[in-house]
Amino acid sequence: MLPNLEQELAGLAAESIGWLPLENGAYLHISSEGKDDRVVITGLPDAGLDGENVLLLV
């Protein structure tokens, strides 16, 4: 798969489940259970991060 297509698909997937787009390739998920002063940065979303505030970089 082409890198740009993979990035586009990852972005669409993130937006479709409610992640907030910040910039091209950056999405934010704010959890109601997450600590206000903590954000986990990842390149792969994981169900284990469910209760965390997460910054996804694709």
PDB file of N, CA and C in Angstrom:
ATOM      1  N   MET A   1       0.837  -1.173   0.000  1.00  0.00           N
ATOM      2  CA  MET A   1       0.000   0.000   0.000  1.00  0.00           C
ATOM      3  C   MET A   1       0.885   1.239   0.000  1.00  0.00           C
ATOM      4  N   LEU A   2       0.458   2.272  -0.664  1.00  0.00           N
ATOM      5  CA  LEU A   2       1.228   3.504  -0.746  1.00  0.00           C
ATOM      6  C   LEU A   2       1.223   4.231   0.594  1.00  0.00           C
ATOM      7  N   PRO A   3       2.360   4.821   0.992  1.00  0.00           N
ATOM      8  CA  PRO A   3       2.439   5.512   2.287  1.00  0.00           C
ATOM      9  C   PRO A   3       1.372   6.589   2.474  1.00  0.00           C
ATOM     10  N   ASN A   4       1.111   7.402   1.455  1.00  0.00           N
ATOM     11  CA  ASN A   4       0.107   8.455   1.576  1.00  0.00           C
ATOM     12  C   ASN A   4      -1.289   7.864   1.747  1.00  0.00           C
ATOM     13  N   LEU A   5      -1.565   6.770   1.087  1.00  0.00           N
ATOM     14  CA  LEU A   5      -2.863   6.116   1.209  1.00  0.00           C
ATOM     15  C   LEU A   5      -3.019   5.520   2.607  1.00  0.00           C
ATOM     16  N   GLU A   6      -1.973   4.929   3.129  1.00  0.00           N
ATOM     17  CA  GLU A   6      -2.021   4.378   4.486  1.00  0.00           C
ATOM     18  C   GLU A   6      -2.282   5.482   5.501  1.00  0.00           C
ATOM     19  N   GLN A   7      -1.625   6.624   5.343  1.00  0.00           N
ATOM     20  CA  GLN A   7      -1.814   7.746   6.253  1.00  0.00           C
ATOM     21  C   GLN A   7      -3.246   8.267   6.148  1.00  0.00           C
ATOM     22  N   GLU A   8      -3.759   8.372   4.948  1.00  0.00           N
ATOM     23  CA  GLU A   8      -5.126   8.847   4.739  1.00  0.00           C
ATOM     24  C   GLU A   8      -6.133   7.893   5.375  1.00  0.00           C
ATOM     25  N   LEU A   9      -5.940   6.601   5.209  1.00  0.00           N
ATOM     26  CA  LEU A   9      -6.842   5.616   5.804  1.00  0.00           C
ATOM     27  C   LEU A   9      -6.784   5.643   7.330  1.00  0.00           C
ATOM     28  N   ALA A  10      -5.591   5.808   7.890  1.00  0.00           N
ATOM     29  CA  ALA A  10      -5.449   5.894   9.343  1.00  0.00           C
ATOM     30  C   ALA A  10      -6.155   7.145   9.868  1.00  0.00           C
ATOM     31  N   GLY A  11      -6.039   8.238   9.154  1.00  0.00           N
ATOM     32  CA  GLY A  11      -6.722   9.469   9.550  1.00  0.00           C
ATOM     33  C   GLY A  11      -8.226   9.341   9.503  1.00  0.00           C
ATOM     34  N   LEU A  12      -8.746   8.732   8.449  1.00  0.00           N
ATOM     35  CA  LEU A  12     -10.188   8.512   8.337  1.00  0.00           C
ATOM     36  C   LEU A  12     -10.694   7.600   9.445  1.00  0.00           C
ATOM     37  N   ALA A  13      -9.926   6.578   9.759  1.00  0.00           N
ATOM     38  CA  ALA A  13     -10.308   5.656  10.834  1.00  0.00           C
ATOM     39  C   ALA A  13     -10.351   6.388  12.174  1.00  0.00           C
ATOM     40  N   ALA A  14      -9.360   7.227  12.441  1.00  0.00           N
ATOM     41  CA  ALA A  14      -9.309   7.981  13.701  1.00  0.00           C
ATOM     42  C   ALA A  14     -10.496   8.935  13.808  1.00  0.00           C
ATOM     43  N   GLU A  15     -10.786   9.661  12.749  1.00  0.00           N
ATOM     44  CA  GLU A  15     -11.904  10.601  12.768  1.00  0.00           C
ATOM     45  C   GLU A  15     -13.245   9.876  12.898  1.00  0.00           C
ATOM     46  N   SER A  16     -13.355   8.705  12.303  1.00  0.00           N
ATOM     47  CA  SER A  16     -14.628   7.981  12.335  1.00  0.00           C
ATOM     48  C   SER A  16     -14.990   7.479  13.725  1.00  0.00           C
ATOM     49  N   ILE A  17     -14.011   7.359  14.611  1.00  0.00           N
ATOM     50  CA  ILE A  17     -14.309   6.905  15.979  1.00  0.00           C
ATOM     51  C   ILE A  17     -14.228   8.057  16.976  1.00  0.00           C
ATOM     52  N   GLY A  18     -14.256   9.293  16.472  1.00  0.00           N
ATOM     53  CA  GLY A  18     -14.370  10.446  17.345  1.00  0.00           C
ATOM     54  C   GLY A  18     -13.092  11.137  17.749  1.00  0.00           C
ATOM     55  N   TRP A  19     -11.960  10.767  17.159  1.00  0.00           N
ATOM     56  CA  TRP A  19     -10.705  11.455  17.472  1.00  0.00           C
ATOM     57  C   TRP A  19     -10.741  12.828  16.805  1.00  0.00           C
ATOM     58  N   LEU A  20     -10.167  13.821  17.471  1.00  0.00           N
ATOM     59  CA  LEU A  20     -10.158  15.183  16.956  1.00  0.00           C
ATOM     60  C   LEU A  20      -8.921  15.429  16.098  1.00  0.00           C
ATOM     61  N   PRO A  21      -9.121  15.838  14.837  1.00  0.00           N
ATOM     62  CA  PRO A  21      -7.954  16.142  14.004  1.00  0.00           C
ATOM     63  C   PRO A  21      -7.324  17.463  14.447  1.00  0.00           C
ATOM     64  N   LEU A  22      -6.018  17.457  14.672  1.00  0.00           N
ATOM     65  CA  LEU A  22      -5.300  18.671  15.077  1.00  0.00           C
ATOM     66  C   LEU A  22      -4.585  19.290  13.888  1.00  0.00           C
ATOM     67  N   GLU A  23      -3.812  18.475  13.202  1.00  0.00           N
ATOM     68  CA  GLU A  23      -3.079  18.851  11.996  1.00  0.00           C
ATOM     69  C   GLU A  23      -3.009  17.615  11.127  1.00  0.00           C
ATOM     70  N   ASN A  24      -2.433  17.756   9.965  1.00  0.00           N
ATOM     71  CA  ASN A  24      -2.270  16.610   9.084  1.00  0.00           C
ATOM     72  C   ASN A  24      -1.441  15.539   9.800  1.00  0.00           C
ATOM     73  N   GLY A  25      -2.049  14.397  10.068  1.00  0.00           N
ATOM     74  CA  GLY A  25      -1.332  13.289  10.699  1.00  0.00           C
ATOM     75  C   GLY A  25      -1.328  13.305  12.215  1.00  0.00           C
ATOM     76  N   ALA A  26      -2.075  14.220  12.848  1.00  0.00           N
ATOM     77  CA  ALA A  26      -2.116  14.292  14.317  1.00  0.00           C
ATOM     78  C   ALA A  26      -3.569  14.330  14.783  1.00  0.00           C
ATOM     79  N   TYR A  27      -3.914  13.416  15.687  1.00  0.00           N
ATOM     80  CA  TYR A  27      -5.282  13.288  16.185  1.00  0.00           C
ATOM     81  C   TYR A  27      -5.258  13.156  17.697  1.00  0.00           C
ATOM     82  N   LEU A  28      -6.269  13.735  18.351  1.00  0.00           N
ATOM     83  CA  LEU A  28      -6.325  13.731  19.809  1.00  0.00           C
ATOM     84  C   LEU A  28      -7.590  13.034  20.287  1.00  0.00           C
ATOM     85  N   HIS A  29      -7.433  12.173  21.281  1.00  0.00           N
ATOM     86  CA  HIS A  29      -8.565  11.522  21.934  1.00  0.00           C
ATOM     87  C   HIS A  29      -8.526  11.924  23.403  1.00  0.00           C
ATOM     88  N   ILE A  30      -9.609  12.541  23.874  1.00  0.00           N
ATOM     89  CA  ILE A  30      -9.717  12.943  25.275  1.00  0.00           C
ATOM     90  C   ILE A  30     -10.658  11.960  25.962  1.00  0.00           C
ATOM     91  N   SER A  31     -10.154  11.299  26.971  1.00  0.00           N
ATOM     92  CA  SER A  31     -10.940  10.318  27.718  1.00  0.00           C
ATOM     93  C   SER A  31     -11.584  10.982  28.928  1.00  0.00           C
ATOM     94  N   SER A  32     -12.791  10.576  29.237  1.00  0.00           N
ATOM     95  CA  SER A  32     -13.450  11.096  30.441  1.00  0.00           C
ATOM     96  C   SER A  32     -12.782  10.543  31.696  1.00  0.00           C
ATOM     97  N   GLU A  33     -12.022   9.469  31.550  1.00  0.00           N
ATOM     98  CA  GLU A  33     -11.338   8.836  32.676  1.00  0.00           C
ATOM     99  C   GLU A  33      -9.863   9.246  32.776  1.00  0.00           C
ATOM    100  N   GLY A  34      -9.341   9.901  31.754  1.00  0.00           N
ATOM    101  CA  GLY A  34      -7.919  10.234  31.707  1.00  0.00           C
ATOM    102  C   GLY A  34      -7.537  11.332  32.678  1.00  0.00           C
ATOM    103  N   LYS A  35      -6.286  11.335  33.073  1.00  0.00           N
ATOM    104  CA  LYS A  35      -5.753  12.383  33.941  1.00  0.00           C
ATOM    105  C   LYS A  35      -5.566  13.658  33.119  1.00  0.00           C
ATOM    106  N   ASP A  36      -5.927  14.795  33.697  1.00  0.00           N
ATOM    107  CA  ASP A  36      -5.850  16.073  32.989  1.00  0.00           C
ATOM    108  C   ASP A  36      -4.444  16.451  32.566  1.00  0.00           C
ATOM    109  N   ASP A  37      -3.435  16.027  33.325  1.00  0.00           N
ATOM    110  CA  ASP A  37      -2.067  16.460  33.061  1.00  0.00           C
ATOM    111  C   ASP A  37      -1.228  15.404  32.335  1.00  0.00           C
ATOM    112  N   ARG A  38      -1.882  14.431  31.716  1.00  0.00           N
ATOM    113  CA  ARG A  38      -1.133  13.349  31.064  1.00  0.00           C
ATOM    114  C   ARG A  38      -1.718  13.047  29.691  1.00  0.00           C
ATOM    115  N   VAL A  39      -0.832  12.970  28.692  1.00  0.00           N
ATOM    116  CA  VAL A  39      -1.213  12.590  27.330  1.00  0.00           C
ATOM    117  C   VAL A  39      -0.224  11.538  26.858  1.00  0.00           C
ATOM    118  N   VAL A  40      -0.729  10.403  26.406  1.00  0.00           N
ATOM    119  CA  VAL A  40       0.105   9.333  25.861  1.00  0.00           C
ATOM    120  C   VAL A  40       0.267   9.586  24.363  1.00  0.00           C
ATOM    121  N   ILE A  41       1.485   9.559  23.865  1.00  0.00           N
ATOM    122  CA  ILE A  41       1.758   9.760  22.441  1.00  0.00           C
ATOM    123  C   ILE A  41       2.065   8.405  21.822  1.00  0.00           C
ATOM    124  N   THR A  42       1.366   8.096  20.719  1.00  0.00           N
ATOM    125  CA  THR A  42       1.548   6.789  20.082  1.00  0.00           C
ATOM    126  C   THR A  42       1.432   6.909  18.568  1.00  0.00           C
ATOM    127  N   GLY A  43       1.922   5.909  17.895  1.00  0.00           N
ATOM    128  CA  GLY A  43       1.779   5.811  16.444  1.00  0.00           C
ATOM    129  C   GLY A  43       0.769   4.741  16.070  1.00  0.00           C
ATOM    130  N   LEU A  44       0.387   3.922  17.053  1.00  0.00           N
ATOM    131  CA  LEU A  44      -0.602   2.862  16.838  1.00  0.00           C
ATOM    132  C   LEU A  44      -1.627   2.894  17.954  1.00  0.00           C
ATOM    133  N   PRO A  45      -2.891   3.174  17.633  1.00  0.00           N
ATOM    134  CA  PRO A  45      -3.904   3.156  18.681  1.00  0.00           C
ATOM    135  C   PRO A  45      -4.065   1.746  19.236  1.00  0.00           C
ATOM    136  N   ASP A  46      -4.306   1.654  20.523  1.00  0.00           N
ATOM    137  CA  ASP A  46      -4.390   0.367  21.199  1.00  0.00           C
ATOM    138  C   ASP A  46      -5.557   0.411  22.174  1.00  0.00           C
ATOM    139  N   ALA A  47      -6.339  -0.655  22.238  1.00  0.00           N
ATOM    140  CA  ALA A  47      -7.481  -0.715  23.152  1.00  0.00           C
ATOM    141  C   ALA A  47      -7.031  -0.585  24.604  1.00  0.00           C
ATOM    142  N   GLY A  48      -5.793  -0.905  24.915  1.00  0.00           N
ATOM    143  CA  GLY A  48      -5.267  -0.773  26.253  1.00  0.00           C
ATOM    144  C   GLY A  48      -5.132   0.675  26.704  1.00  0.00           C
ATOM    145  N   LEU A  49      -5.245   1.609  25.775  1.00  0.00           N
ATOM    146  CA  LEU A  49      -5.151   3.037  26.090  1.00  0.00           C
ATOM    147  C   LEU A  49      -6.525   3.661  26.284  1.00  0.00           C
ATOM    148  N   ASP A  50      -7.529   2.842  26.452  1.00  0.00           N
ATOM    149  CA  ASP A  50      -8.923   3.298  26.529  1.00  0.00           C
ATOM    150  C   ASP A  50      -9.163   4.410  27.534  1.00  0.00           C
ATOM    151  N   GLY A  51      -8.612   4.335  28.701  1.00  0.00           N
ATOM    152  CA  GLY A  51      -8.852   5.332  29.735  1.00  0.00           C
ATOM    153  C   GLY A  51      -7.848   6.462  29.760  1.00  0.00           C
ATOM    154  N   GLU A  52      -7.112   6.642  28.690  1.00  0.00           N
ATOM    155  CA  GLU A  52      -6.043   7.645  28.629  1.00  0.00           C
ATOM    156  C   GLU A  52      -6.392   8.738  27.618  1.00  0.00           C
ATOM    157  N   ASN A  53      -5.797   9.917  27.807  1.00  0.00           N
ATOM    158  CA  ASN A  53      -5.788  10.949  26.774  1.00  0.00           C
ATOM    159  C   ASN A  53      -4.658  10.568  25.825  1.00  0.00           C
ATOM    160  N   VAL A  54      -4.938  10.499  24.525  1.00  0.00           N
ATOM    161  CA  VAL A  54      -3.970   9.958  23.577  1.00  0.00           C
ATOM    162  C   VAL A  54      -3.778  10.911  22.397  1.00  0.00           C
ATOM    163  N   LEU A  55      -2.520  11.146  22.035  1.00  0.00           N
ATOM    164  CA  LEU A  55      -2.163  11.866  20.825  1.00  0.00           C
ATOM    165  C   LEU A  55      -1.653  10.822  19.829  1.00  0.00           C
ATOM    166  N   LEU A  56      -2.359  10.682  18.718  1.00  0.00           N
ATOM    167  CA  LEU A  56      -2.003   9.713  17.677  1.00  0.00           C
ATOM    168  C   LEU A  56      -1.292  10.448  16.544  1.00  0.00           C
ATOM    169  N   LEU A  57      -0.081  10.010  16.236  1.00  0.00           N
ATOM    170  CA  LEU A  57       0.684  10.570  15.125  1.00  0.00           C
ATOM    171  C   LEU A  57       0.809   9.511  14.043  1.00  0.00           C
ATOM    172  N   VAL A  58       0.275   9.822  12.851  1.00  0.00           N
ATOM    173  CA  VAL A  58       0.336   8.843  11.753  1.00  0.00           C
ATOM    174  C   VAL A  58       1.148   9.380  10.607  1.00  0.00           C
TER     175      VAL A  58
END
